[in-house]
Amino acid sequence: MKLDYRQKLFLYFGLLFTFFTVGIIVFEQVRERNYKTEALIEKLETYTDIIQIAIVDAQDSLAPVLNQLEKILPNELRITIITQNGKVLFDNSIDNYNNLNNHLDRPEIICAAQKGSGSDIRHSDSNQQKYVYFAKKVDGKFIRVALLYNIRVHNFLKPDNVFLYFIILFFAIFIFFIHITTKRLGNTIKQLRDYVLNSDKKNLDQLNFPNDEIGEIGSKIADNYFKLKESQKTILMEKQKLLQHIQVLEEGICFLSPQHKVEYHNGLFIQYLNTIADEPTSDPSIILKDENFVELQEFLAQNEEYYFDGTICKQGKIFAVRANLFEDGSFEVILSDVTKKEKTKQLKQEMTGNIAHELRTPITSIRGYLETLLSQPLSDEKKQYFIERAFQQTIALSAIIQDMSLITKMEEAPNLFAIEKINITELLERVIEEFALQLLEKKIKIRWQIPEDLELLGNENLLYSLFRNLTDNAIRYGGEDLIINISVYNNDADFYYFSFYDTGVGVKEEAHLNRIFERFFRVSEGRTRDDGGSGLGLSIVKNAVLFHKGNISVKNRKEGGLEFLFTLKKNWKK
């Protein structure tokens, strides 16, 4: 017969409590019996103390003293005096006690010899009756007393049944409550089971749980199950959203089972796959066989790592191939077109190489000057010369680092530049003041046609770097005895239109004009190095113009020299 949950629960609890109850009864019975036995032993020990006092003065004749003592002791009390060698000196229950066997092997005598006193319940070898014995070692002999284990003694040692009856009553009451509790719990569980099996047909309102803790638990479980069902619906909806998101990703993705069965893929995965594969296909599982994916196939075959990252070059494009292996053996493959990213990376590597190259020259020079100063005895004049040359190189090195930092900041963190109202005329005056000595040495004149009140909203440091680097470029490479002209030739609602030109030598090769704003590009490599330029000045100029949302171009003037045409937005924030 198959038991339902309530019956099983009742049976389990009933058996558990039965074993528990039986254990308590046995423990209590043993404990009470031991307690009464100890009380009887204590009474017998009292008798031995009385006997000890009575025979303390008796030497060879114990019988008269003990016979006299029997009158005040219980009639049924057996008294035995035994020497330390085991010989019986006296026994009031045996007439011919002199012929009794040695008593050293009696359990109570053995215990008394070891601990000073001992007790035992057993049959007597002398008269074949059951006694409760107690022996005590006193003055080189053993005093033993015993009571006949009769009905009276048996009843005395027998535990009371009151506790037993109480336990039985408690057991019956507890079993009754177990019955009630398991019935209520069983009904609650039955309703929960019916609700789970018919959740589509039943509502929470239809459940009728008891109004107690069990009912609260049942209601909570049903409520949690309802929420779980709703969560499953939500998860399904989110899964649909995720799949829709995967469809519009800029990466091709494909999910495969542990058995290498395609579970899902987006359209971009097929597009990239057809670019890489030798033949057109609509089957994503071709990645497991195509020769272009050999490294991926080896990764899946080894099954030692959880992540794969590789690249495939095909049709002039570079594709990143990534695979994630999950614990259940399933995996995903992601294809990404990283052509642009790789080219950018290559460009950065080239730029890094250029930076290292530019830094190497001043550092090498500084090292050479310092080694000369340290290794050779020089006059003060020579020492001063090498120190000045080293100092000039440190200035060049500092300029390169400062310019690179400025360019990087403009490209990667333009929001860090403060925006304020700037007077262009005042800014140009500061630039001319900085180059006053070089202008005088090369006989260069600066003139400008800019209104004194011309203002725009932008970053002062970048605008200063713009006009400073244009001026520095004209002074370094324009030649001597020339004119630098700065003017605003036009303006509209949004922009000012600037012209910056010199009357110098210009750039002989027109092809160089297209690259003049590139970092570290030099029209004349040797001359630029001698002049100490960083090769970043015009790159800073272009980025400063772009920061102010303008444009810049350069051309050779028919009259000679270079002309830079650029726009600056009046209000940077608009």
Protein backbone atom coordinates (compact mmCIF):
# COMPACT_ATOMS: atom_id res chain seq x y z
CA MET A 1 0.00 0.00 0.00
CA LYS A 2 1.37 3.34 -1.02
CA LEU A 3 1.35 5.93 1.74
CA ASP A 4 0.57 9.57 1.08
CA TYR A 5 2.74 12.37 2.40
CA ARG A 6 0.65 12.88 5.55
CA GLN A 7 0.81 9.18 6.45
CA LYS A 8 4.57 9.07 5.81
CA LEU A 9 5.09 12.16 7.93
CA PHE A 10 2.97 10.73 10.74
CA LEU A 11 4.86 7.43 10.57
CA TYR A 12 8.27 9.11 10.63
CA PHE A 13 7.45 11.37 13.56
CA GLY A 14 5.66 8.56 15.40
CA LEU A 15 8.62 6.19 15.11
CA LEU A 16 11.05 8.93 16.08
CA PHE A 17 9.10 9.86 19.19
CA THR A 18 8.56 6.18 20.07
CA PHE A 19 12.29 5.53 20.08
CA PHE A 20 12.79 8.68 22.08
CA THR A 21 10.14 7.70 24.65
CA VAL A 22 11.47 4.16 25.06
CA GLY A 23 14.95 5.59 25.59
CA ILE A 24 13.70 7.94 28.33
CA ILE A 25 11.81 5.12 30.10
CA VAL A 26 14.81 2.80 30.06
CA PHE A 27 17.12 5.53 31.24
CA GLU A 28 14.81 6.55 34.07
CA GLN A 29 14.23 2.95 35.20
CA VAL A 30 17.95 2.26 35.34
CA ARG A 31 18.65 5.56 37.08
CA GLU A 32 16.01 4.98 39.78
CA ARG A 33 17.13 1.39 40.37
CA ASN A 34 20.73 2.57 40.76
CA TYR A 35 19.61 5.25 43.15
CA LYS A 36 17.73 2.74 45.39
CA THR A 37 20.60 0.27 45.24
CA GLU A 38 22.98 2.98 46.39
CA ALA A 39 20.61 3.79 49.27
CA LEU A 40 20.54 0.13 50.36
CA ILE A 41 24.35 -0.07 50.12
CA GLU A 42 24.66 3.02 52.29
CA LYS A 43 22.41 1.34 54.86
CA LEU A 44 24.58 -1.77 54.83
CA GLU A 45 27.69 0.39 55.20
CA THR A 46 26.12 1.86 58.34
CA TYR A 47 25.75 -1.67 59.74
CA THR A 48 29.46 -2.36 59.04
CA ASP A 49 30.39 0.80 60.93
CA ILE A 50 28.36 -0.42 63.94
CA ILE A 51 30.02 -3.82 63.80
CA GLN A 52 33.45 -2.19 63.49
CA ILE A 53 32.88 -0.21 66.68
CA ALA A 54 31.63 -3.31 68.53
CA ILE A 55 34.59 -5.57 67.66
CA VAL A 56 37.34 -2.98 67.99
CA ASP A 57 38.25 -4.24 71.48
CA ALA A 58 37.59 -7.92 70.79
CA GLN A 59 40.71 -9.96 70.16
CA ASP A 60 40.22 -13.69 69.74
CA SER A 61 36.58 -14.10 70.72
CA LEU A 62 34.34 -12.37 68.16
CA ALA A 63 31.33 -14.66 68.49
CA PRO A 64 30.05 -13.44 71.85
CA VAL A 65 30.29 -9.82 70.80
CA LEU A 66 28.61 -10.35 67.45
CA ASN A 67 25.93 -12.61 68.92
CA GLN A 68 25.13 -9.91 71.36
CA LEU A 69 25.11 -7.35 68.50
CA GLU A 70 22.53 -9.36 66.57
CA LYS A 71 19.92 -8.29 69.08
CA ILE A 72 20.07 -4.64 67.92
CA LEU A 73 20.61 -5.32 64.22
CA PRO A 74 17.98 -6.61 61.78
CA ASN A 75 17.27 -10.34 62.23
CA GLU A 76 17.79 -11.12 58.55
CA LEU A 77 21.17 -9.41 58.48
CA ARG A 78 24.02 -11.78 57.67
CA ILE A 79 27.35 -10.87 59.31
CA THR A 80 30.66 -12.30 58.16
CA ILE A 81 34.16 -11.52 59.43
CA ILE A 82 37.00 -12.50 57.08
CA THR A 83 40.75 -12.27 57.55
CA GLN A 84 42.95 -10.51 54.97
CA ASN A 85 43.99 -14.02 53.88
CA GLY A 86 40.39 -14.97 53.07
CA LYS A 87 39.62 -17.21 56.10
CA VAL A 88 36.17 -16.83 57.61
CA LEU A 89 36.38 -15.97 61.34
CA PHE A 90 32.66 -15.60 61.87
CA ASP A 91 29.37 -16.06 60.00
CA ASN A 92 26.06 -15.88 61.82
CA SER A 93 24.15 -17.73 59.09
CA ILE A 94 26.44 -20.78 58.91
CA ASP A 95 27.12 -23.04 61.90
CA ASN A 96 30.31 -24.62 60.62
CA TYR A 97 31.76 -21.40 59.18
CA ASN A 98 35.28 -22.61 60.02
CA ASN A 99 35.00 -25.03 57.15
CA LEU A 100 33.98 -22.45 54.57
CA ASN A 101 36.14 -21.94 51.49
CA ASN A 102 38.55 -19.04 51.15
CA HIS A 103 36.58 -15.84 50.43
CA LEU A 104 39.26 -13.76 48.71
CA ASP A 105 37.68 -14.55 45.32
CA ARG A 106 34.30 -13.03 46.26
CA PRO A 107 33.57 -9.96 44.10
CA GLU A 108 32.75 -7.71 47.06
CA ILE A 109 35.95 -8.84 48.91
CA ILE A 110 38.10 -8.21 45.79
CA CYS A 111 36.64 -4.70 45.45
CA ALA A 112 37.09 -3.99 49.19
CA ALA A 113 40.73 -5.12 49.04
CA GLN A 114 41.37 -2.65 46.18
CA LYS A 115 39.19 0.31 47.11
CA GLY A 116 38.39 -0.15 50.78
CA SER A 117 34.75 -1.21 50.24
CA GLY A 118 32.73 -3.17 47.69
CA SER A 119 29.23 -4.50 46.98
CA ASP A 120 27.56 -7.20 44.89
CA ILE A 121 24.22 -8.94 44.34
CA ARG A 122 24.59 -12.70 43.78
CA HIS A 123 23.84 -16.19 45.01
CA SER A 124 25.81 -17.44 48.03
CA ASP A 125 27.99 -20.48 47.46
CA SER A 126 27.47 -21.44 51.12
CA ASN A 127 23.68 -21.64 51.41
CA GLN A 128 22.60 -21.10 47.77
CA GLN A 129 20.54 -18.01 48.51
CA LYS A 130 20.62 -14.65 46.78
CA TYR A 131 22.06 -11.80 48.82
CA VAL A 132 22.88 -8.14 48.60
CA TYR A 133 26.49 -8.02 49.88
CA PHE A 134 28.56 -5.15 51.25
CA ALA A 135 32.18 -5.59 52.45
CA LYS A 136 34.56 -3.16 54.11
CA LYS A 137 38.22 -3.54 54.92
CA VAL A 138 38.95 -2.63 58.57
CA ASP A 139 42.14 -3.22 60.65
CA GLY A 140 43.54 -6.03 58.53
CA LYS A 141 40.23 -7.89 58.18
CA PHE A 142 37.02 -7.66 56.14
CA ILE A 143 33.61 -6.95 57.67
CA ARG A 144 30.87 -8.17 55.38
CA VAL A 145 27.13 -7.76 55.85
CA ALA A 146 24.39 -9.07 53.60
CA LEU A 147 20.63 -8.93 53.22
CA LEU A 148 18.59 -11.71 51.71
CA TYR A 149 17.39 -10.67 48.23
CA ASN A 150 13.74 -11.50 49.02
CA ILE A 151 10.46 -10.01 47.88
CA ARG A 152 10.77 -7.11 50.24
CA VAL A 153 14.22 -6.14 48.99
CA HIS A 154 13.12 -6.76 45.40
CA ASN A 155 10.15 -4.44 45.82
CA PHE A 156 12.38 -1.85 47.47
CA LEU A 157 14.74 -1.82 44.49
CA LYS A 158 11.93 -1.91 41.95
CA PRO A 159 11.41 1.52 40.22
CA ASP A 160 8.10 3.36 40.66
CA ASN A 161 5.62 3.08 37.81
CA VAL A 162 4.29 6.63 38.23
CA PHE A 163 6.89 8.03 35.86
CA LEU A 164 6.21 5.23 33.41
CA TYR A 165 2.48 6.01 33.39
CA PHE A 166 3.23 9.70 32.94
CA ILE A 167 5.47 9.02 29.96
CA ILE A 168 2.89 6.76 28.36
CA LEU A 169 0.21 9.43 28.79
CA PHE A 170 2.54 12.08 27.36
CA PHE A 171 3.32 9.77 24.44
CA ALA A 172 -0.37 9.31 23.66
CA ILE A 173 -1.02 13.07 23.79
CA PHE A 174 2.00 13.79 21.60
CA ILE A 175 0.94 11.18 19.03
CA PHE A 176 -2.47 12.86 18.92
CA PHE A 177 -0.93 16.26 18.22
CA ILE A 178 1.34 14.71 15.59
CA HIS A 179 -1.77 13.33 13.94
CA ILE A 180 -3.43 16.76 13.92
CA THR A 181 -0.30 18.57 12.74
CA THR A 182 0.53 16.10 9.97
CA LYS A 183 -3.06 16.20 8.80
CA ARG A 184 -2.97 20.02 8.48
CA LEU A 185 0.47 19.95 6.88
CA GLY A 186 -0.57 17.13 4.55
CA ASN A 187 -3.61 19.11 3.40
CA THR A 188 -1.42 22.17 2.78
CA ILE A 189 1.09 20.16 0.76
CA LYS A 190 -1.71 18.48 -1.20
CA GLN A 191 -3.07 21.90 -2.17
CA LEU A 192 0.41 23.06 -3.15
CA ARG A 193 0.89 19.96 -5.29
CA ASP A 194 -2.48 20.45 -7.00
CA TYR A 195 -1.64 24.13 -7.58
CA VAL A 196 1.74 23.32 -9.13
CA LEU A 197 0.26 20.62 -11.36
CA ASN A 198 -2.62 22.85 -12.44
CA SER A 199 -1.02 26.30 -12.14
CA ASP A 200 -2.43 27.34 -15.50
CA LYS A 201 -5.97 26.63 -14.31
CA LYS A 202 -5.77 27.78 -10.67
CA ASN A 203 -5.22 31.18 -9.14
CA LEU A 204 -3.75 31.98 -5.74
CA ASP A 205 -7.20 33.11 -4.59
CA GLN A 206 -8.54 29.57 -5.00
CA LEU A 207 -6.17 28.10 -2.40
CA ASN A 208 -7.54 27.60 1.14
CA PHE A 209 -4.68 27.19 3.60
CA PRO A 210 -5.22 26.91 7.38
CA ASN A 211 -4.90 30.11 9.38
CA ASP A 212 -1.65 29.24 11.17
CA GLU A 213 2.10 29.09 10.61
CA ILE A 214 1.78 26.12 8.26
CA GLY A 215 -0.84 28.00 6.27
CA GLU A 216 1.47 31.02 6.09
CA ILE A 217 4.29 28.81 4.83
CA GLY A 218 1.98 27.27 2.23
CA SER A 219 0.79 30.69 1.10
CA LYS A 220 4.37 31.90 0.87
CA ILE A 221 5.43 28.86 -1.16
CA ALA A 222 2.50 29.30 -3.52
CA ASP A 223 3.28 33.00 -3.84
CA ASN A 224 6.95 32.23 -4.57
CA TYR A 225 5.92 29.68 -7.17
CA PHE A 226 3.68 32.27 -8.80
CA LYS A 227 6.57 34.76 -8.81
CA LEU A 228 8.83 32.04 -10.25
CA LYS A 229 6.41 31.51 -13.11
CA GLU A 230 6.31 35.25 -13.69
CA SER A 231 10.13 35.35 -13.54
CA GLN A 232 10.28 32.62 -16.17
CA LYS A 233 8.06 34.72 -18.39
CA THR A 234 10.32 37.73 -17.75
CA ILE A 235 13.44 35.66 -18.48
CA LEU A 236 11.88 34.46 -21.72
CA MET A 237 11.11 38.04 -22.67
CA GLU A 238 14.65 39.15 -21.77
CA LYS A 239 15.99 36.26 -23.82
CA GLN A 240 14.02 37.52 -26.79
CA LYS A 241 15.42 41.01 -26.19
CA LEU A 242 18.93 39.57 -26.00
CA LEU A 243 18.46 37.72 -29.25
CA GLN A 244 17.20 40.91 -30.87
CA HIS A 245 20.23 42.73 -29.48
CA ILE A 246 22.57 40.06 -30.85
CA GLN A 247 21.00 40.57 -34.27
CA VAL A 248 22.09 44.23 -34.35
CA LEU A 249 25.55 43.71 -32.85
CA GLU A 250 28.57 44.78 -34.86
CA GLU A 251 30.00 41.34 -34.17
CA GLY A 252 29.03 37.99 -35.62
CA ILE A 253 28.15 35.49 -32.91
CA CYS A 254 27.22 31.81 -32.96
CA PHE A 255 26.26 29.48 -30.07
CA LEU A 256 26.94 25.75 -30.34
CA SER A 257 25.98 22.82 -28.09
CA PRO A 258 28.46 20.32 -26.54
CA GLN A 259 27.64 18.09 -29.51
CA HIS A 260 28.69 20.93 -31.87
CA LYS A 261 25.13 21.54 -32.96
CA VAL A 262 24.34 25.15 -33.91
CA GLU A 263 21.82 26.58 -31.45
CA TYR A 264 21.75 30.22 -32.57
CA HIS A 265 23.60 32.70 -34.78
CA ASN A 266 23.05 36.20 -36.09
CA GLY A 267 23.17 37.38 -39.69
CA LEU A 268 26.49 39.18 -39.35
CA PHE A 269 28.18 35.89 -38.41
CA ILE A 270 27.13 34.40 -41.77
CA GLN A 271 28.28 37.56 -43.57
CA TYR A 272 31.75 37.48 -41.99
CA LEU A 273 31.91 33.70 -42.41
CA ASN A 274 31.32 34.02 -46.15
CA THR A 275 34.03 36.66 -46.40
CA ILE A 276 36.50 34.26 -44.76
CA ALA A 277 35.36 30.92 -46.17
CA ASP A 278 36.52 29.77 -49.57
CA GLU A 279 32.99 28.95 -50.73
CA PRO A 280 29.63 30.63 -50.03
CA THR A 281 27.70 28.98 -47.21
CA SER A 282 24.71 29.46 -44.93
CA ASP A 283 25.81 26.81 -42.43
CA PRO A 284 27.63 28.27 -39.38
CA SER A 285 29.03 24.83 -38.47
CA ILE A 286 31.42 25.16 -41.45
CA ILE A 287 33.85 26.75 -38.95
CA LEU A 288 34.42 23.22 -37.59
CA LYS A 289 35.71 22.04 -40.99
CA ASP A 290 36.98 25.05 -42.95
CA GLU A 291 40.78 25.31 -43.32
CA ASN A 292 40.74 28.98 -42.34
CA PHE A 293 39.64 28.02 -38.82
CA VAL A 294 42.32 25.38 -38.13
CA GLU A 295 43.52 27.07 -34.91
CA LEU A 296 39.95 27.25 -33.58
CA GLN A 297 39.40 23.58 -34.43
CA GLU A 298 42.59 22.58 -32.59
CA PHE A 299 41.45 24.59 -29.55
CA LEU A 300 38.10 22.76 -29.48
CA ALA A 301 39.79 19.40 -29.91
CA GLN A 302 42.24 19.95 -27.01
CA ASN A 303 39.52 21.07 -24.61
CA GLU A 304 42.17 22.23 -22.13
CA GLU A 305 41.45 25.98 -21.98
CA TYR A 306 38.25 27.99 -21.82
CA TYR A 307 39.13 30.92 -24.05
CA PHE A 308 40.51 31.24 -27.58
CA ASP A 309 41.64 34.42 -29.31
CA GLY A 310 43.05 34.51 -32.83
CA THR A 311 43.01 36.49 -36.08
CA ILE A 312 42.33 35.68 -39.74
CA CYS A 313 43.42 37.89 -42.64
CA LYS A 314 41.20 37.48 -45.70
CA GLN A 315 40.14 39.64 -48.64
CA GLY A 316 42.23 42.55 -47.42
CA LYS A 317 40.43 42.51 -44.05
CA ILE A 318 41.46 41.42 -40.57
CA PHE A 319 38.98 39.40 -38.50
CA ALA A 320 39.28 38.63 -34.79
CA VAL A 321 38.13 35.12 -33.90
CA ARG A 322 37.20 34.50 -30.26
CA ALA A 323 35.71 31.45 -28.61
CA ASN A 324 34.41 30.94 -25.07
CA LEU A 325 34.09 27.38 -23.81
CA PHE A 326 31.47 26.89 -21.08
CA GLU A 327 31.48 24.33 -18.27
CA ASP A 328 28.79 22.16 -19.86
CA GLY A 329 30.86 21.78 -23.04
CA SER A 330 28.88 24.29 -25.09
CA PHE A 331 30.68 27.25 -26.59
CA GLU A 332 30.29 30.49 -28.52
CA VAL A 333 32.29 31.79 -31.46
CA ILE A 334 32.55 35.53 -32.14
CA LEU A 335 33.78 37.07 -35.41
CA SER A 336 34.75 40.76 -35.44
CA ASP A 337 35.99 42.97 -38.26
CA VAL A 338 39.04 44.64 -36.64
CA THR A 339 40.57 46.00 -39.83
CA LYS A 340 40.14 49.63 -38.79
CA LYS A 341 41.23 48.87 -35.22
CA GLU A 342 44.39 47.10 -36.40
CA LYS A 343 45.25 49.97 -38.73
CA THR A 344 44.79 52.41 -35.87
CA LYS A 345 46.99 50.19 -33.72
CA GLN A 346 49.62 50.16 -36.44
CA LEU A 347 49.41 53.94 -36.70
CA LYS A 348 49.92 54.26 -32.95
CA GLN A 349 52.89 51.93 -33.12
CA GLU A 350 54.42 54.08 -35.83
CA MET A 351 53.76 57.18 -33.77
CA THR A 352 55.35 55.52 -30.73
CA GLY A 353 58.38 54.72 -32.87
CA ASN A 354 58.55 58.32 -34.02
CA ILE A 355 58.34 59.57 -30.46
CA ALA A 356 61.13 57.23 -29.39
CA HIS A 357 63.17 58.39 -32.38
CA GLU A 358 62.64 62.05 -31.56
CA LEU A 359 63.47 61.58 -27.91
CA ARG A 360 66.57 59.56 -28.69
CA THR A 361 68.37 62.47 -30.42
CA PRO A 362 68.34 64.99 -27.52
CA ILE A 363 68.92 62.26 -24.95
CA THR A 364 71.91 60.92 -26.89
CA SER A 365 73.31 64.43 -27.23
CA ILE A 366 72.90 65.17 -23.53
CA ARG A 367 74.58 61.89 -22.65
CA GLY A 368 77.49 62.61 -24.98
CA TYR A 369 78.03 66.08 -23.53
CA LEU A 370 77.91 64.78 -19.96
CA GLU A 371 80.27 61.88 -20.72
CA THR A 372 82.74 64.35 -22.20
CA LEU A 373 82.53 66.53 -19.11
CA LEU A 374 83.05 63.55 -16.81
CA SER A 375 85.76 61.71 -18.73
CA GLN A 376 88.04 64.49 -20.01
CA PRO A 377 89.86 67.38 -18.35
CA LEU A 378 88.47 70.54 -19.96
CA SER A 379 88.97 74.22 -19.59
CA ASP A 380 86.26 76.32 -18.02
CA GLU A 381 85.38 77.68 -21.45
CA LYS A 382 84.92 74.16 -22.89
CA LYS A 383 82.94 73.05 -19.86
CA GLN A 384 80.62 76.06 -20.26
CA TYR A 385 80.19 75.19 -23.93
CA PHE A 386 79.17 71.58 -23.29
CA ILE A 387 76.87 72.59 -20.41
CA GLU A 388 75.08 75.10 -22.64
CA ARG A 389 74.69 72.53 -25.43
CA ALA A 390 73.29 69.99 -22.93
CA PHE A 391 70.92 72.63 -21.61
CA GLN A 392 69.66 73.40 -25.11
CA GLN A 393 68.97 69.71 -25.68
CA THR A 394 67.02 69.48 -22.42
CA ILE A 395 64.90 72.39 -23.63
CA ALA A 396 64.26 70.54 -26.90
CA LEU A 397 63.42 67.35 -24.99
CA SER A 398 61.03 69.20 -22.71
CA ALA A 399 59.34 70.81 -25.73
CA ILE A 400 58.73 67.42 -27.35
CA ILE A 401 57.22 65.98 -24.17
CA GLN A 402 55.08 69.07 -23.61
CA ASP A 403 53.81 69.07 -27.18
CA MET A 404 52.96 65.35 -27.10
CA SER A 405 51.10 65.77 -23.84
CA LEU A 406 49.11 68.65 -25.30
CA ILE A 407 48.15 66.71 -28.45
CA THR A 408 47.12 63.64 -26.43
CA LYS A 409 45.00 65.75 -24.13
CA MET A 410 43.24 67.43 -27.05
CA GLU A 411 42.43 64.09 -28.69
CA GLU A 412 41.47 62.02 -25.65
CA ALA A 413 40.24 64.49 -23.02
CA PRO A 414 39.00 67.70 -24.68
CA ASN A 415 36.46 68.27 -21.92
CA LEU A 416 39.30 68.97 -19.48
CA PHE A 417 40.15 72.28 -21.15
CA ALA A 418 38.68 75.37 -19.53
CA ILE A 419 36.49 77.61 -21.73
CA GLU A 420 36.58 81.38 -21.27
CA LYS A 421 36.29 84.67 -23.19
CA ILE A 422 39.61 85.56 -24.91
CA ASN A 423 40.82 88.79 -26.48
CA ILE A 424 42.83 87.82 -29.58
CA THR A 425 44.78 91.10 -29.75
CA GLU A 426 46.06 90.73 -26.19
CA LEU A 427 46.97 87.11 -26.88
CA LEU A 428 49.01 88.10 -29.99
CA GLU A 429 50.86 90.73 -28.01
CA ARG A 430 52.03 88.06 -25.59
CA VAL A 431 53.20 85.86 -28.48
CA ILE A 432 55.22 88.72 -30.03
CA GLU A 433 56.72 89.53 -26.66
CA GLU A 434 57.94 85.91 -26.30
CA PHE A 435 59.69 85.98 -29.71
CA ALA A 436 60.97 89.56 -29.49
CA LEU A 437 64.66 88.55 -29.47
CA GLN A 438 64.38 86.08 -32.41
CA LEU A 439 62.40 88.62 -34.44
CA LEU A 440 65.08 91.20 -33.85
CA GLU A 441 67.93 88.85 -34.74
CA LYS A 442 66.34 87.76 -38.05
CA LYS A 443 64.96 91.21 -38.89
CA ILE A 444 61.39 89.94 -39.01
CA LYS A 445 58.44 92.28 -38.70
CA ILE A 446 54.93 91.32 -37.58
CA ARG A 447 51.85 93.23 -38.57
CA TRP A 448 48.20 92.39 -38.06
CA GLN A 449 44.78 93.66 -39.10
CA ILE A 450 42.67 92.50 -36.17
CA PRO A 451 40.12 94.63 -34.30
CA GLU A 452 41.28 95.39 -30.78
CA ASP A 453 37.96 94.22 -29.32
CA LEU A 454 37.86 90.91 -31.18
CA GLU A 455 36.90 88.20 -28.71
CA LEU A 456 35.82 84.59 -28.88
CA LEU A 457 34.86 81.86 -26.40
CA GLY A 458 37.49 79.10 -26.21
CA ASN A 459 40.59 77.82 -24.43
CA GLU A 460 43.31 80.38 -23.94
CA ASN A 461 46.24 77.92 -23.77
CA LEU A 462 45.28 76.21 -27.03
CA LEU A 463 44.78 79.47 -28.89
CA TYR A 464 48.11 80.74 -27.56
CA SER A 465 49.79 77.49 -28.77
CA LEU A 466 48.11 77.95 -32.17
CA PHE A 467 49.51 81.44 -32.85
CA ARG A 468 52.81 80.69 -31.09
CA ASN A 469 53.56 77.60 -33.22
CA LEU A 470 52.62 79.40 -36.45
CA THR A 471 54.93 82.26 -35.49
CA ASP A 472 57.71 79.88 -34.42
CA ASN A 473 57.41 77.94 -37.70
CA ALA A 474 57.73 81.17 -39.74
CA ILE A 475 60.76 82.35 -37.72
CA ARG A 476 62.57 78.97 -37.95
CA TYR A 477 62.02 78.17 -41.61
CA GLY A 478 60.92 81.37 -43.37
CA GLY A 479 64.32 82.94 -43.55
CA GLU A 480 65.49 86.46 -42.63
CA ASP A 481 64.29 89.97 -43.36
CA LEU A 482 60.68 88.99 -43.92
CA ILE A 483 57.17 89.99 -42.85
CA ILE A 484 54.62 87.97 -40.87
CA ASN A 485 51.05 89.07 -41.49
CA ILE A 486 48.05 88.12 -39.34
CA SER A 487 44.55 89.24 -40.28
CA VAL A 488 40.85 88.49 -39.99
CA TYR A 489 39.62 88.69 -43.55
CA ASN A 490 36.03 87.69 -42.92
CA ASN A 491 33.44 86.78 -40.27
CA ASP A 492 29.86 85.56 -40.13
CA ALA A 493 27.35 84.60 -37.45
CA ASP A 494 29.45 81.66 -36.24
CA PHE A 495 33.09 81.99 -37.34
CA TYR A 496 36.08 84.29 -37.65
CA TYR A 497 38.23 83.74 -40.77
CA PHE A 498 41.98 84.13 -40.16
CA SER A 499 44.95 84.45 -42.51
CA PHE A 500 48.49 83.88 -41.26
CA TYR A 501 51.31 84.16 -43.81
CA ASP A 502 54.97 85.04 -44.12
CA THR A 503 57.00 86.36 -47.02
CA GLY A 504 59.70 83.71 -46.65
CA VAL A 505 60.82 80.79 -48.79
CA GLY A 506 57.69 78.66 -48.52
CA VAL A 507 57.69 74.90 -49.31
CA LYS A 508 59.29 73.96 -52.62
CA GLU A 509 57.54 70.61 -53.14
CA GLU A 510 53.76 70.81 -53.30
CA ALA A 511 53.43 67.17 -52.17
CA HIS A 512 54.84 68.13 -48.80
CA LEU A 513 51.95 70.55 -48.17
CA ASN A 514 49.52 67.60 -47.84
CA ARG A 515 51.60 66.17 -44.97
CA ILE A 516 52.68 69.34 -43.24
CA PHE A 517 50.23 68.81 -40.33
CA GLU A 518 51.37 65.21 -39.67
CA ARG A 519 53.21 64.52 -36.44
CA PHE A 520 57.01 64.52 -36.80
CA PHE A 521 56.84 65.26 -40.53
CA ARG A 522 59.70 67.45 -41.70
CA VAL A 523 60.13 69.17 -45.01
CA SER A 524 63.88 69.32 -44.34
CA GLU A 525 64.97 66.67 -41.85
CA GLY A 526 68.46 67.92 -41.23
CA ARG A 527 67.55 71.61 -40.92
CA THR A 528 64.72 70.94 -38.56
CA ARG A 529 66.89 68.97 -36.17
CA ASP A 530 69.54 71.66 -36.19
CA ASP A 531 66.92 74.25 -35.39
CA GLY A 532 65.65 72.17 -32.46
CA GLY A 533 62.06 71.76 -33.57
CA SER A 534 59.96 68.91 -32.19
CA GLY A 535 58.10 68.21 -35.41
CA LEU A 536 54.78 68.60 -33.56
CA GLY A 537 54.13 72.33 -33.84
CA LEU A 538 51.84 72.31 -36.88
CA SER A 539 50.08 69.17 -35.61
CA ILE A 540 49.24 71.13 -32.45
CA VAL A 541 48.01 74.00 -34.63
CA LYS A 542 45.62 71.72 -36.52
CA ASN A 543 44.27 70.07 -33.37
CA ALA A 544 43.77 73.46 -31.69
CA VAL A 545 41.75 74.64 -34.70
CA LEU A 546 39.69 71.44 -34.68
CA PHE A 547 39.11 71.84 -30.94
CA HIS A 548 37.56 75.25 -31.65
CA LYS A 549 35.36 73.57 -34.30
CA GLY A 550 37.14 75.17 -37.22
CA ASN A 551 39.14 74.08 -40.28
CA ILE A 552 42.65 74.87 -41.51
CA SER A 553 44.49 74.70 -44.84
CA VAL A 554 47.90 75.79 -46.14
CA LYS A 555 49.24 76.98 -49.50
CA ASN A 556 52.29 78.57 -51.09
CA ARG A 557 51.82 82.26 -51.92
CA LYS A 558 52.66 83.46 -55.41
CA GLU A 559 54.64 86.27 -53.83
CA GLY A 560 56.58 83.74 -51.73
CA GLY A 561 56.08 82.22 -48.33
CA LEU A 562 53.43 80.07 -46.70
CA GLU A 563 49.85 81.10 -45.94
CA PHE A 564 47.67 79.36 -43.36
CA LEU A 565 43.91 79.89 -43.67
CA PHE A 566 41.79 78.80 -40.73
CA THR A 567 38.47 79.44 -39.00
CA LEU A 568 37.65 79.68 -35.30
CA LYS A 569 34.14 79.44 -33.93
CA LYS A 570 33.03 82.51 -32.06
CA ASN A 571 31.27 80.58 -29.32
CA TRP A 572 32.82 77.16 -28.55
CA LYS A 573 29.76 75.94 -26.66
CA LYS A 574 27.30 76.48 -29.51
